Amino acid sequence: MKLTPIDPPRRYKVGRRMPHEISDCGRIELGADEQVTFVTPGGAEYDVTRKAWGFYATPSLNGRLASFGLRAALVRNPDNRYFIFLVERGCEDEMARYLADEEQTLVTWLDSDQALQHLDAQLQNRARS
């Protein structure tokens, strides 16, 4: 792993109705089969694993990610761009306020067996049509 801090951080503004500033603090370069874990003060964890072909962007959505205190959500913005949010369990109301402020829509939660199996079945039915 190679960590390259950006000091001072690159700062830029984001947000539709409630602008705020993001600080780009550094870059992490991983080799194949290396992993980094991000943690929150509340104890949630998020792993990113590098493979020779790309990345596992999250632990299993309905397994380890959930056990680490995070919920995956598929979100759409007003420009019809889609994002995966990882929401710390217990912070769903804060995320809902953010979505409202940014005029974004929760498409679906991606963290339960039921939700993922339903999505899978819908996609398979479309593929057969």
C-alpha atoms as a PDB file:
ATOM      1  CA  MET A   1       0.000   0.000   0.000  1.00  0.00           C
ATOM      2  CA  LYS A   2       1.177   3.489  -0.833  1.00  0.00           C
ATOM      3  CA  LEU A   3      -0.358   6.481   0.971  1.00  0.00           C
ATOM      4  CA  THR A   4       0.142   9.938  -0.553  1.00  0.00           C
ATOM      5  CA  PRO A   5      -1.198  12.699   1.699  1.00  0.00           C
ATOM      6  CA  ILE A   6      -2.438  15.898   0.070  1.00  0.00           C
ATOM      7  CA  ASP A   7      -1.220  18.686   2.336  1.00  0.00           C
ATOM      8  CA  PRO A   8      -2.830  21.084   2.325  1.00  0.00           C
ATOM      9  CA  PRO A   9      -5.972  19.238   1.260  1.00  0.00           C
ATOM     10  CA  ARG A  10      -7.634  20.166  -2.016  1.00  0.00           C
ATOM     11  CA  ARG A  11     -10.944  21.805  -1.085  1.00  0.00           C
ATOM     12  CA  TYR A  12     -14.025  22.101  -3.246  1.00  0.00           C
ATOM     13  CA  LYS A  13     -17.698  22.959  -2.842  1.00  0.00           C
ATOM     14  CA  VAL A  14     -20.560  20.523  -3.421  1.00  0.00           C
ATOM     15  CA  GLY A  15     -24.292  20.626  -2.826  1.00  0.00           C
ATOM     16  CA  ARG A  16     -27.426  21.850  -4.506  1.00  0.00           C
ATOM     17  CA  ARG A  17     -29.364  23.763  -1.860  1.00  0.00           C
ATOM     18  CA  MET A  18     -26.993  23.476   1.091  1.00  0.00           C
ATOM     19  CA  PRO A  19     -23.428  23.905  -0.230  1.00  0.00           C
ATOM     20  CA  HIS A  20     -20.619  22.527   1.867  1.00  0.00           C
ATOM     21  CA  GLU A  21     -16.914  21.955   1.445  1.00  0.00           C
ATOM     22  CA  ILE A  22     -15.135  18.639   0.870  1.00  0.00           C
ATOM     23  CA  SER A  23     -11.438  18.224   1.698  1.00  0.00           C
ATOM     24  CA  ASP A  24      -9.501  15.779  -0.509  1.00  0.00           C
ATOM     25  CA  CYS A  25      -6.880  14.600   2.005  1.00  0.00           C
ATOM     26  CA  GLY A  26      -4.904  11.970   0.146  1.00  0.00           C
ATOM     27  CA  ARG A  27      -4.598   8.988  -2.149  1.00  0.00           C
ATOM     28  CA  ILE A  28      -4.150   5.313  -1.352  1.00  0.00           C
ATOM     29  CA  GLU A  29      -2.665   3.000  -3.961  1.00  0.00           C
ATOM     30  CA  LEU A  30      -3.308  -0.685  -3.328  1.00  0.00           C
ATOM     31  CA  GLY A  31      -1.665  -3.654  -4.954  1.00  0.00           C
ATOM     32  CA  ALA A  32      -3.649  -6.749  -5.915  1.00  0.00           C
ATOM     33  CA  ASP A  33      -5.121  -8.507  -2.863  1.00  0.00           C
ATOM     34  CA  GLU A  34      -4.490  -5.587  -0.516  1.00  0.00           C
ATOM     35  CA  GLN A  35      -7.234  -4.076   1.620  1.00  0.00           C
ATOM     36  CA  VAL A  36      -7.808  -0.904   3.618  1.00  0.00           C
ATOM     37  CA  THR A  37     -10.444  -0.468   6.299  1.00  0.00           C
ATOM     38  CA  PHE A  38     -12.123   2.843   7.040  1.00  0.00           C
ATOM     39  CA  VAL A  39     -13.664   3.280  10.508  1.00  0.00           C
ATOM     40  CA  THR A  40     -16.043   5.792  12.088  1.00  0.00           C
ATOM     41  CA  PRO A  41     -15.992   7.077  15.660  1.00  0.00           C
ATOM     42  CA  GLY A  42     -19.201   5.062  16.182  1.00  0.00           C
ATOM     43  CA  GLY A  43     -17.428   1.811  15.307  1.00  0.00           C
ATOM     44  CA  ALA A  44     -18.726   1.236  11.766  1.00  0.00           C
ATOM     45  CA  GLU A  45     -16.178  -0.260   9.355  1.00  0.00           C
ATOM     46  CA  TYR A  46     -15.862  -0.233   5.583  1.00  0.00           C
ATOM     47  CA  ASP A  47     -13.360  -2.386   3.672  1.00  0.00           C
ATOM     48  CA  VAL A  48     -12.088  -1.767   0.143  1.00  0.00           C
ATOM     49  CA  THR A  49     -10.166  -4.655  -1.393  1.00  0.00           C
ATOM     50  CA  ARG A  50      -8.031  -4.377  -4.546  1.00  0.00           C
ATOM     51  CA  LYS A  51      -7.989  -7.298  -6.949  1.00  0.00           C
ATOM     52  CA  ALA A  52      -5.958  -7.662 -10.148  1.00  0.00           C
ATOM     53  CA  TRP A  53      -9.166  -6.892 -12.114  1.00  0.00           C
ATOM     54  CA  GLY A  54     -10.359  -3.908 -10.038  1.00  0.00           C
ATOM     55  CA  PHE A  55     -11.966  -3.520  -6.598  1.00  0.00           C
ATOM     56  CA  TYR A  56     -14.433  -5.071  -4.255  1.00  0.00           C
ATOM     57  CA  ALA A  57     -16.044  -1.722  -3.486  1.00  0.00           C
ATOM     58  CA  THR A  58     -17.824  -3.033  -0.379  1.00  0.00           C
ATOM     59  CA  PRO A  59     -17.947  -6.065   1.842  1.00  0.00           C
ATOM     60  CA  SER A  60     -21.007  -8.254   1.145  1.00  0.00           C
ATOM     61  CA  LEU A  61     -24.032  -5.944   1.204  1.00  0.00           C
ATOM     62  CA  ASN A  62     -26.252  -8.298   3.194  1.00  0.00           C
ATOM     63  CA  GLY A  63     -23.499  -9.831   5.335  1.00  0.00           C
ATOM     64  CA  ARG A  64     -20.279  -8.255   6.543  1.00  0.00           C
ATOM     65  CA  LEU A  65     -21.219  -4.669   5.640  1.00  0.00           C
ATOM     66  CA  ALA A  66     -24.348  -4.941   7.781  1.00  0.00           C
ATOM     67  CA  SER A  67     -22.392  -6.564  10.613  1.00  0.00           C
ATOM     68  CA  PHE A  68     -19.964  -3.613  10.427  1.00  0.00           C
ATOM     69  CA  GLY A  69     -22.836  -1.203  11.168  1.00  0.00           C
ATOM     70  CA  LEU A  70     -23.420   0.111   7.624  1.00  0.00           C
ATOM     71  CA  ARG A  71     -26.433  -0.061   5.295  1.00  0.00           C
ATOM     72  CA  ALA A  72     -26.017   0.188   1.525  1.00  0.00           C
ATOM     73  CA  ALA A  73     -28.500   2.324  -0.400  1.00  0.00           C
ATOM     74  CA  LEU A  74     -28.973   2.999  -4.110  1.00  0.00           C
ATOM     75  CA  VAL A  75     -29.611   6.732  -4.607  1.00  0.00           C
ATOM     76  CA  ARG A  76     -30.491   8.806  -7.688  1.00  0.00           C
ATOM     77  CA  ASN A  77     -29.757  12.510  -8.049  1.00  0.00           C
ATOM     78  CA  PRO A  78     -31.762  15.026 -10.124  1.00  0.00           C
ATOM     79  CA  ASP A  79     -29.375  14.528 -13.071  1.00  0.00           C
ATOM     80  CA  ASN A  80     -30.250  10.796 -13.108  1.00  0.00           C
ATOM     81  CA  ARG A  81     -26.846   9.792 -11.798  1.00  0.00           C
ATOM     82  CA  TYR A  82     -26.804   6.860  -9.407  1.00  0.00           C
ATOM     83  CA  PHE A  83     -24.736   6.426  -6.253  1.00  0.00           C
ATOM     84  CA  ILE A  84     -24.200   3.793  -3.604  1.00  0.00           C
ATOM     85  CA  PHE A  85     -24.397   5.339  -0.152  1.00  0.00           C
ATOM     86  CA  LEU A  86     -23.122   3.521   2.924  1.00  0.00           C
ATOM     87  CA  VAL A  87     -25.226   4.772   5.818  1.00  0.00           C
ATOM     88  CA  GLU A  88     -24.166   4.256   9.405  1.00  0.00           C
ATOM     89  CA  ARG A  89     -26.926   2.343  11.200  1.00  0.00           C
ATOM     90  CA  GLY A  90     -28.931   4.826  13.269  1.00  0.00           C
ATOM     91  CA  CYS A  91     -28.167   7.722  10.898  1.00  0.00           C
ATOM     92  CA  GLU A  92     -30.994   7.001   8.448  1.00  0.00           C
ATOM     93  CA  ASP A  93     -32.911  10.167   9.448  1.00  0.00           C
ATOM     94  CA  GLU A  94     -29.804  12.293   8.857  1.00  0.00           C
ATOM     95  CA  MET A  95     -29.380  10.693   5.431  1.00  0.00           C
ATOM     96  CA  ALA A  96     -33.064  11.371   4.630  1.00  0.00           C
ATOM     97  CA  ARG A  97     -32.554  15.072   5.464  1.00  0.00           C
ATOM     98  CA  TYR A  98     -29.473  15.117   3.232  1.00  0.00           C
ATOM     99  CA  LEU A  99     -31.425  13.536   0.371  1.00  0.00           C
ATOM    100  CA  ALA A 100     -34.171  16.138   0.751  1.00  0.00           C
ATOM    101  CA  ASP A 101     -31.652  19.010   0.888  1.00  0.00           C
ATOM    102  CA  GLU A 102     -29.874  17.695  -2.234  1.00  0.00           C
ATOM    103  CA  GLU A 103     -33.094  16.783  -4.075  1.00  0.00           C
ATOM    104  CA  GLN A 104     -31.983  13.155  -4.272  1.00  0.00           C
ATOM    105  CA  THR A 105     -34.118  10.006  -4.104  1.00  0.00           C
ATOM    106  CA  LEU A 106     -33.612   6.751  -2.252  1.00  0.00           C
ATOM    107  CA  VAL A 107     -34.202   4.123  -4.947  1.00  0.00           C
ATOM    108  CA  THR A 108     -33.831   1.142  -2.608  1.00  0.00           C
ATOM    109  CA  TRP A 109     -31.929  -0.183   0.346  1.00  0.00           C
ATOM    110  CA  LEU A 110     -29.418  -2.858  -0.679  1.00  0.00           C
ATOM    111  CA  ASP A 111     -28.763  -4.418   2.700  1.00  0.00           C
ATOM    112  CA  SER A 112     -31.272  -7.222   3.249  1.00  0.00           C
ATOM    113  CA  ASP A 113     -31.623 -10.664   1.696  1.00  0.00           C
ATOM    114  CA  GLN A 114     -35.223  -9.820   0.765  1.00  0.00           C
ATOM    115  CA  ALA A 115     -34.368  -6.530  -1.009  1.00  0.00           C
ATOM    116  CA  LEU A 116     -31.442  -8.038  -2.910  1.00  0.00           C
ATOM    117  CA  GLN A 117     -33.334 -11.169  -3.937  1.00  0.00           C
ATOM    118  CA  HIS A 118     -36.263  -9.012  -5.128  1.00  0.00           C
ATOM    119  CA  LEU A 119     -33.912  -6.843  -7.204  1.00  0.00           C
ATOM    120  CA  ASP A 120     -32.180  -9.940  -8.590  1.00  0.00           C
ATOM    121  CA  ALA A 121     -35.520 -11.508  -9.588  1.00  0.00           C
ATOM    122  CA  GLN A 122     -36.642  -8.290 -11.304  1.00  0.00           C
ATOM    123  CA  LEU A 123     -33.432  -8.094 -13.324  1.00  0.00           C
ATOM    124  CA  GLN A 124     -33.576 -11.764 -14.288  1.00  0.00           C
ATOM    125  CA  ASN A 125     -37.212 -11.364 -15.428  1.00  0.00           C
ATOM    126  CA  ARG A 126     -36.203  -8.392 -17.606  1.00  0.00           C
ATOM    127  CA  ALA A 127     -33.335 -10.390 -19.110  1.00  0.00           C
ATOM    128  CA  ARG A 128     -35.762 -13.163 -20.078  1.00  0.00           C
ATOM    129  CA  SER A 129     -38.188 -10.703 -21.735  1.00  0.00           C
END
